[in-house]
Protein backbone atom coordinates (compact mmCIF):
# COMPACT_ATOMS: atom_id res chain seq x y z
CA MET A 1 9.29 -1.75 28.30
CA SER A 2 10.19 -5.54 28.41
CA LYS A 3 13.91 -6.90 28.36
CA LYS A 4 13.07 -8.18 24.67
CA GLN A 5 11.95 -4.87 23.45
CA PHE A 6 14.88 -2.96 25.15
CA PHE A 7 17.31 -5.46 23.74
CA ILE A 8 16.02 -5.19 20.01
CA SER A 9 16.18 -1.40 20.56
CA LEU A 10 19.90 -1.57 21.61
CA VAL A 11 20.80 -3.82 18.68
CA ILE A 12 18.90 -1.39 16.33
CA ILE A 13 20.87 1.69 17.82
CA GLY A 14 24.12 -0.50 17.27
CA LEU A 15 23.48 -1.11 13.75
CA THR A 16 22.58 2.43 12.92
CA VAL A 17 25.75 3.78 14.61
CA ILE A 18 27.84 1.32 12.43
CA CYS A 19 26.10 2.51 9.22
CA ASN A 20 26.00 6.30 9.97
CA ALA A 21 27.04 8.71 12.63
CA THR A 22 24.04 11.01 12.20
CA VAL A 23 21.07 8.68 12.56
CA TRP A 24 17.72 9.11 14.26
CA ARG A 25 15.19 6.48 15.18
CA LEU A 26 11.40 6.83 14.70
CA ASN A 27 9.33 4.15 16.60
CA ASN A 28 5.61 4.67 17.30
CA ILE A 29 5.17 1.42 19.40
CA PRO A 30 3.99 2.62 22.88
CA GLY A 31 6.78 1.91 25.48
CA VAL A 32 9.69 1.75 22.99
CA ASP A 33 12.32 4.50 23.71
CA ALA A 34 13.31 6.29 20.48
CA ASP A 35 14.40 9.75 18.99
CA PHE A 36 11.01 10.43 17.68
CA ILE A 37 7.80 8.47 18.79
CA THR A 38 4.89 10.23 16.85
CA ASN A 39 5.00 10.80 13.23
CA LEU A 40 7.19 10.96 10.09
CA GLN A 41 6.72 14.63 9.64
CA ASP A 42 7.97 15.52 13.20
CA ALA A 43 11.16 13.45 12.59
CA VAL A 44 11.91 15.09 9.34
CA ASP A 45 11.17 18.60 10.74
CA GLY A 46 13.45 17.77 13.83
CA VAL A 47 16.75 16.61 11.97
CA THR A 48 19.37 18.26 10.09
CA SER A 49 19.69 18.16 6.22
CA GLY A 50 21.78 15.17 5.35
CA ASP A 51 20.78 13.06 8.32
CA THR A 52 19.27 9.49 8.22
CA ILE A 53 15.95 8.52 9.83
CA TYR A 54 15.36 4.85 10.62
CA VAL A 55 11.53 4.18 10.50
CA GLU A 56 11.20 1.10 12.58
CA GLN A 57 8.77 -1.61 12.01
CA SER A 58 5.38 -1.30 13.83
CA PRO A 59 1.91 -2.58 13.79
CA PHE A 60 0.87 1.00 13.64
CA SER A 61 1.07 3.11 10.42
CA TYR A 62 2.97 6.31 10.22
CA ASP A 63 1.71 9.37 8.63
CA GLY A 64 3.42 10.82 5.56
CA ALA A 65 5.68 13.74 5.05
CA THR A 66 6.42 16.86 3.07
CA ILE A 67 9.98 17.15 2.65
CA SER A 68 12.35 20.22 2.01
CA LYS A 69 15.69 19.12 3.21
CA GLN A 70 17.87 16.34 2.20
CA VAL A 71 17.14 13.18 4.29
CA ILE A 72 17.66 9.33 4.01
CA LEU A 73 14.58 7.52 5.08
CA ILE A 74 14.96 3.78 5.63
CA GLY A 75 12.38 1.28 6.59
CA GLY A 76 12.15 -2.43 7.20
CA GLY A 77 10.83 -3.76 3.95
CA TYR A 78 7.79 -5.82 3.09
CA TRP A 79 6.39 -9.29 2.67
CA LEU A 80 8.49 -10.23 5.54
CA THR A 81 6.72 -13.67 5.94
CA GLU A 82 6.85 -14.49 2.29
CA ASN A 83 10.74 -14.83 1.86
CA ASP A 84 13.42 -16.55 4.18
CA SER A 85 15.62 -14.64 6.62
CA THR A 86 14.11 -11.14 6.26
CA GLN A 87 13.48 -9.65 9.65
CA ALA A 88 12.91 -10.88 13.18
CA SER A 89 9.84 -8.79 13.33
CA GLU A 90 7.08 -9.35 10.77
CA GLU A 91 5.80 -5.90 10.77
CA GLU A 92 6.28 -3.42 7.97
CA SER A 93 7.47 0.24 8.01
CA GLU A 94 4.10 1.52 6.58
CA ILE A 95 3.93 5.16 5.87
CA GLY A 96 1.68 7.78 4.10
CA GLY A 97 2.47 9.73 1.07
CA LEU A 98 5.79 11.69 0.58
CA VAL A 99 6.25 15.02 -1.35
CA PHE A 100 9.84 16.01 -2.29
CA ASN A 101 10.12 19.88 -2.57
CA PRO A 102 12.96 21.98 -3.53
CA GLY A 103 15.62 21.61 -0.93
CA SER A 104 15.14 17.84 -0.59
CA GLU A 105 17.80 17.26 -3.49
CA GLY A 106 19.86 14.10 -2.55
CA SER A 107 17.18 12.43 -0.62
CA ILE A 108 16.76 8.56 -0.57
CA VAL A 109 13.91 6.51 0.44
CA SER A 110 14.13 2.72 0.73
CA GLY A 111 12.50 -0.15 2.40
CA PHE A 112 8.74 1.13 2.91
CA ALA A 113 5.21 0.14 2.27
CA ILE A 114 2.80 2.68 0.99
CA TYR A 115 -0.90 2.16 0.63
CA HIS A 116 -3.42 4.45 -1.13
CA GLU A 117 -5.73 4.22 2.02
CA LEU A 118 -3.38 6.59 3.67
CA THR A 119 -2.88 8.94 0.90
CA LEU A 120 -4.17 9.27 -2.84
CA PHE A 121 -0.73 11.00 -3.76
CA MET A 122 1.64 8.37 -2.92
CA ILE A 123 4.99 9.95 -4.03
CA THR A 124 5.13 13.45 -5.49
CA ILE A 125 8.59 14.40 -6.86
CA ASN A 126 8.91 18.36 -7.42
CA THR A 127 12.66 18.61 -7.33
CA ASP A 128 15.97 17.01 -8.90
CA ASN A 129 18.10 14.15 -7.51
CA ILE A 130 15.68 11.98 -5.70
CA ILE A 131 15.99 8.10 -5.39
CA ILE A 132 13.10 5.77 -4.58
CA GLU A 133 14.07 2.25 -4.02
CA ARG A 134 13.09 -1.01 -2.46
CA CYS A 135 9.43 0.13 -1.67
CA PHE A 136 6.06 -1.59 -2.01
CA LEU A 137 3.71 0.94 -3.51
CA TYR A 138 0.07 -0.29 -3.74
CA PHE A 139 -2.94 1.60 -4.97
CA GLY A 140 -6.33 -0.02 -4.96
CA ALA A 141 -8.92 2.61 -6.07
CA LYS A 142 -12.51 1.59 -5.88
CA ASP A 143 -14.04 4.24 -8.09
CA TYR A 144 -13.07 6.40 -11.29
CA ASP A 145 -12.51 9.51 -9.14
CA ASN A 146 -9.45 8.18 -7.47
CA ILE A 147 -6.93 7.96 -10.16
CA ALA A 148 -4.00 9.90 -8.71
CA PRO A 149 -0.71 8.25 -9.97
CA ILE A 150 1.43 6.08 -7.56
CA MET A 151 4.48 8.18 -8.50
CA TYR A 152 4.16 11.71 -9.88
CA ILE A 153 7.32 13.32 -11.57
CA ASN A 154 6.00 16.77 -11.67
CA GLY A 155 7.98 19.28 -13.86
CA ASN A 156 11.21 19.33 -16.02
CA LEU A 157 13.28 17.40 -13.50
CA ASN A 158 16.72 15.82 -13.56
CA ASN A 159 18.44 12.77 -12.01
CA ILE A 160 15.50 10.92 -10.67
CA THR A 161 16.07 7.10 -9.86
CA ILE A 162 13.31 4.50 -9.38
CA ARG A 163 14.75 1.31 -8.64
CA GLN A 164 13.94 -2.24 -7.15
CA ASN A 165 10.38 -1.26 -6.31
CA TRP A 166 7.24 -3.34 -6.35
CA MET A 167 4.43 -1.04 -7.75
CA TYR A 168 0.85 -2.30 -8.29
CA TYR A 169 -2.17 -0.28 -9.32
CA TYR A 170 -5.57 -1.69 -9.58
CA ASN A 171 -8.77 0.42 -10.31
CA VAL A 172 -12.10 -1.31 -10.96
CA SER A 173 -12.78 1.41 -13.55
CA GLY A 174 -9.53 0.89 -15.45
CA ALA A 175 -8.04 4.29 -14.83
CA GLY A 176 -5.01 5.51 -13.21
CA VAL A 177 -1.16 5.03 -13.74
CA CYS A 178 1.93 3.85 -11.81
CA ILE A 179 4.46 6.30 -12.89
CA TYR A 180 3.31 9.73 -14.50
CA PHE A 181 5.59 12.29 -16.03
CA ASN A 182 4.13 15.71 -16.06
CA GLY A 183 7.03 17.34 -17.80
CA ASP A 184 10.24 16.84 -19.90
CA SER A 185 12.50 15.12 -17.36
CA GLN A 186 16.08 14.13 -18.23
CA ASN A 187 18.68 11.72 -16.59
CA VAL A 188 15.75 9.44 -15.28
CA LEU A 189 16.54 5.76 -14.47
CA ILE A 190 13.45 3.32 -14.16
CA LYS A 191 15.16 -0.05 -13.60
CA ASN A 192 14.72 -3.55 -11.80
CA ASN A 193 11.13 -2.79 -10.69
CA PHE A 194 7.92 -4.74 -11.02
CA ILE A 195 5.29 -2.35 -12.36
CA SER A 196 1.78 -3.57 -12.93
CA SER A 197 -1.36 -1.70 -13.82
CA ASN A 198 -4.83 -2.96 -14.79
CA THR A 199 -5.71 0.28 -16.50
CA SER A 200 -6.48 0.33 -20.13
CA ASN A 201 -7.92 3.60 -20.88
CA LEU A 202 -6.22 6.74 -22.59
CA SER A 203 -5.31 8.25 -19.24
CA GLY A 204 -3.86 5.24 -17.46
CA GLY A 205 -1.11 2.85 -17.69
CA SER A 206 1.84 1.53 -15.93
CA ILE A 207 4.14 4.20 -17.32
CA ARG A 208 2.87 7.42 -19.03
CA MET A 209 4.31 10.64 -20.37
CA GLU A 210 2.19 13.58 -21.80
CA ILE A 211 5.16 15.38 -23.22
CA GLY A 212 7.95 13.87 -25.29
CA SER A 213 11.47 13.61 -24.16
CA THR A 214 13.91 15.46 -26.42
CA VAL A 215 17.43 14.80 -25.34
CA ASN A 216 19.00 12.18 -22.84
CA SER A 217 15.87 10.10 -22.86
CA PRO A 218 14.68 8.28 -19.77
CA GLN A 219 16.11 4.79 -19.57
CA ILE A 220 13.76 1.99 -18.53
CA SER A 221 15.75 -1.13 -18.09
CA ASN A 222 15.53 -4.55 -16.45
CA ASN A 223 11.97 -4.17 -15.36
CA ILE A 224 8.90 -6.56 -15.37
CA ILE A 225 5.93 -4.51 -16.74
CA GLU A 226 2.27 -5.21 -16.95
CA GLY A 227 -0.20 -2.74 -18.36
CA GLU A 228 -0.25 0.19 -20.75
CA ILE A 229 2.94 2.04 -21.72
CA HIS A 230 2.70 5.51 -23.24
CA THR A 231 6.02 7.33 -23.61
CA PHE A 232 8.37 9.33 -25.95
CA ASN A 233 11.71 8.48 -27.24
CA CYS A 234 12.60 6.30 -24.08
CA VAL A 235 15.27 3.59 -24.01
CA TYR A 236 13.75 0.17 -23.36
CA VAL A 237 16.35 -2.49 -22.71
CA ASN A 238 16.19 -5.83 -20.95
CA ASN A 239 12.37 -5.44 -20.01
CA ILE A 240 9.83 -8.20 -19.77
CA LEU A 241 6.22 -7.00 -20.63
CA LEU A 242 3.50 -9.31 -19.31
CA GLY A 243 0.85 -7.68 -21.17
CA GLY A 244 -0.75 -4.32 -22.27
CA ASN A 245 -0.22 -1.91 -25.32
CA PHE A 246 3.21 -0.31 -25.88
CA TYR A 247 3.76 3.11 -27.38
CA ASN A 248 7.00 5.03 -27.50
CA GLY A 249 6.68 7.85 -29.94
CA SER A 250 8.65 7.73 -33.06
CA GLY A 251 12.05 7.58 -31.38
CA GLY A 252 14.21 5.72 -28.51
CA ILE A 253 15.86 2.55 -28.32
CA ILE A 254 13.91 -0.79 -27.95
CA ALA A 255 16.30 -3.70 -27.64
CA ASN A 256 16.57 -7.08 -25.85
CA ASN A 257 13.06 -7.12 -24.34
CA LEU A 258 10.62 -9.97 -24.09
CA CYS A 259 6.68 -9.36 -24.58
CA ASN A 260 3.64 -11.69 -24.58
CA GLY A 261 2.56 -10.26 -27.90
CA THR A 262 4.03 -8.11 -30.74
CA GLN A 263 4.35 -4.92 -28.61
CA PHE A 264 7.97 -4.58 -29.05
CA PRO A 265 9.32 -4.59 -32.57
CA ASP A 266 10.68 -7.85 -34.11
CA THR A 267 14.33 -6.40 -34.31
CA ASP A 268 17.27 -5.62 -31.94
CA ASN A 269 17.07 -9.06 -30.31
CA ASN A 270 13.52 -8.38 -29.09
CA GLN A 271 11.38 -11.51 -28.49
CA GLN A 272 7.72 -11.73 -29.37
CA ASN A 273 4.97 -13.97 -28.32
CA VAL A 274 6.66 -15.35 -25.34
CA ASP A 275 4.72 -17.73 -23.14
CA MET A 276 5.16 -16.25 -19.92
CA ALA A 277 4.48 -19.37 -18.04
CA THR A 278 7.98 -20.56 -19.35
CA VAL A 279 9.90 -17.30 -18.12
CA PHE A 280 9.19 -17.33 -14.27
CA VAL A 281 9.18 -19.74 -11.45
CA ASP A 282 5.50 -18.57 -10.83
CA HIS A 283 4.26 -15.70 -12.81
CA ASP A 284 0.75 -15.88 -11.47
CA LEU A 285 1.80 -15.54 -7.89
CA TYR A 286 2.09 -11.75 -7.72
CA ILE A 287 4.65 -12.24 -5.01
CA ASP A 288 8.15 -11.09 -5.83
CA ASN A 289 9.74 -14.61 -5.33
CA GLY A 290 7.42 -15.99 -8.10
CA TYR A 291 9.39 -13.66 -10.67
CA ILE A 292 12.58 -15.30 -10.28
CA LEU A 293 13.57 -16.65 -13.74
CA ALA A 294 12.67 -20.33 -14.23
CA PRO A 295 15.51 -22.91 -15.36
CA GLY A 296 15.59 -22.65 -19.01
CA SER A 297 13.76 -19.27 -19.10
CA PRO A 298 13.94 -17.52 -22.45
CA ALA A 299 15.00 -14.39 -20.29
CA ILE A 300 18.10 -16.06 -19.44
CA GLY A 301 21.08 -14.64 -21.52
CA ALA A 302 18.64 -12.61 -23.48
CA GLY A 303 20.02 -9.32 -22.21
CA PHE A 304 21.87 -6.52 -24.00
CA ASN A 305 25.48 -7.83 -22.90
CA GLY A 306 24.60 -11.53 -22.82
CA GLY A 307 22.93 -11.10 -19.29
CA ASP A 308 19.60 -11.74 -18.27
CA CYS A 309 16.26 -9.75 -18.71
CA GLY A 310 14.00 -8.89 -15.86
CA MET A 311 14.17 -7.40 -12.40
CA PHE A 312 16.78 -9.58 -11.01
CA SER A 313 19.26 -8.82 -13.76
CA ASN A 314 22.49 -6.77 -13.35
CA ASP A 315 23.03 -6.33 -17.02
CA TYR A 316 23.04 -2.93 -18.73
CA GLY A 317 23.70 -1.08 -15.39
CA GLY A 318 21.08 -3.11 -13.52
CA VAL A 319 20.77 -3.29 -9.69
CA PRO A 320 19.11 -6.62 -8.86
CA TYR A 321 15.82 -6.56 -7.28
CA VAL A 322 16.00 -7.53 -3.41
CA LEU A 323 13.46 -9.94 -2.23
CA SER A 324 11.07 -8.23 0.27
CA GLY A 325 12.70 -4.91 -0.30
CA LEU A 326 15.17 -5.28 2.42
CA PRO A 327 17.28 -2.01 2.84
CA ALA A 328 21.02 -2.15 2.31
CA ILE A 329 21.73 -2.40 6.07
CA PRO A 330 22.37 -5.05 8.32
CA ALA A 331 19.10 -6.87 9.31
CA ILE A 332 18.45 -9.14 12.40
CA TYR A 333 16.39 -12.10 10.90
CA GLU A 334 16.35 -14.30 14.05
CA ILE A 335 16.43 -13.73 17.68
CA ASP A 336 16.46 -16.46 20.22
CA PHE A 337 15.94 -15.72 23.95
CA ASN A 338 17.08 -18.52 26.10
CA SER A 339 14.43 -19.51 28.71
CA THR A 340 16.94 -20.78 31.14
CA ILE A 341 19.19 -18.00 32.49
CA PHE A 342 22.30 -19.07 34.30
CA PRO A 343 23.57 -17.63 36.43
CA SER A 344 20.25 -16.59 38.19
CA ASP A 345 20.21 -12.91 37.53
CA GLU A 346 17.22 -10.70 36.66
CA ASN A 347 19.71 -8.41 34.84
CA THR A 348 21.18 -11.10 32.66
CA LEU A 349 19.64 -12.28 29.40
CA GLU A 350 21.11 -14.95 27.08
CA VAL A 351 20.51 -14.16 23.47
CA ASN A 352 21.34 -15.82 20.15
CA VAL A 353 21.24 -13.28 17.26
CA LYS A 354 21.40 -13.97 13.35
CA ALA A 355 21.92 -11.11 11.05
CA LYS A 356 23.01 -10.46 7.48
CA SER A 357 23.35 -7.43 5.13
CA HIS A 358 21.37 -6.92 1.78
CA ASN A 359 23.37 -4.66 -0.31
């Protein structure tokens, strides 16, 4: 292992010790010394409930995992070349699909890239108290048969939080869905995400429920959404709908949203027929920094409490989207290895490091 690789590993170890005393490192780059060096499932199986696993950036994809214990999984983010001061390494922490079974309550997943080429079932949640945050989730199916949802909330679950993610579903047949509820789940928060789907048929969409929520309806707030929405009695506040039809049953709260047509009612401070070219810095970019609100945007100050609408808002309990999905830990975004070593000593290496946190 080179001095550079060794130094980076030491810095990672130091940061993890600062953040949590019960942490483990997974790294599948040959020659890098880590606690686990193969796949995510081995790491999950090898730690104790409540532990944290740092899945380090790598040019090689990690497999997915079925999880039946409480774990915190942290990756390095995505689109690391598109935004400033992200990570010194430009590689993603790319993993396969995740399945959360009973026993995994309290688990948190943050900072990963998941693509459908690795798995059709990208995230399946079969139990309560799960948080999925700051992940890039892309499903690009080529045919009608591949219509598994990006995120499958299976059963009558409680306390599910989906926040600060970038979800994009594309299927040439127009089938499939980003977030699918198969049950009457309660205490669900879907906030500060970008959720886009090109699907337009009865089985697809960006967010879809087959069963109507009866009490404590899911809260869908501070998102940017594109594609069909088919839900029941949900709370929609501070969202921006780029396009697609909207259905929410006969109940729910729909307030302080923007839409490109007349999908949201013309009441409760909703704005209809908004020209989305006036809302964002570059709404055609399909990169997260393009969806920062433009100066003079109609979404500025249009939120429930006078805050903003969209995924960068902290209004209505929002947790602003973080560019590149950087996890809420210190990140090294620049390392400078001095080419001149003085005094001359093969065991001495002069290094300048720049790091910052992303809470």
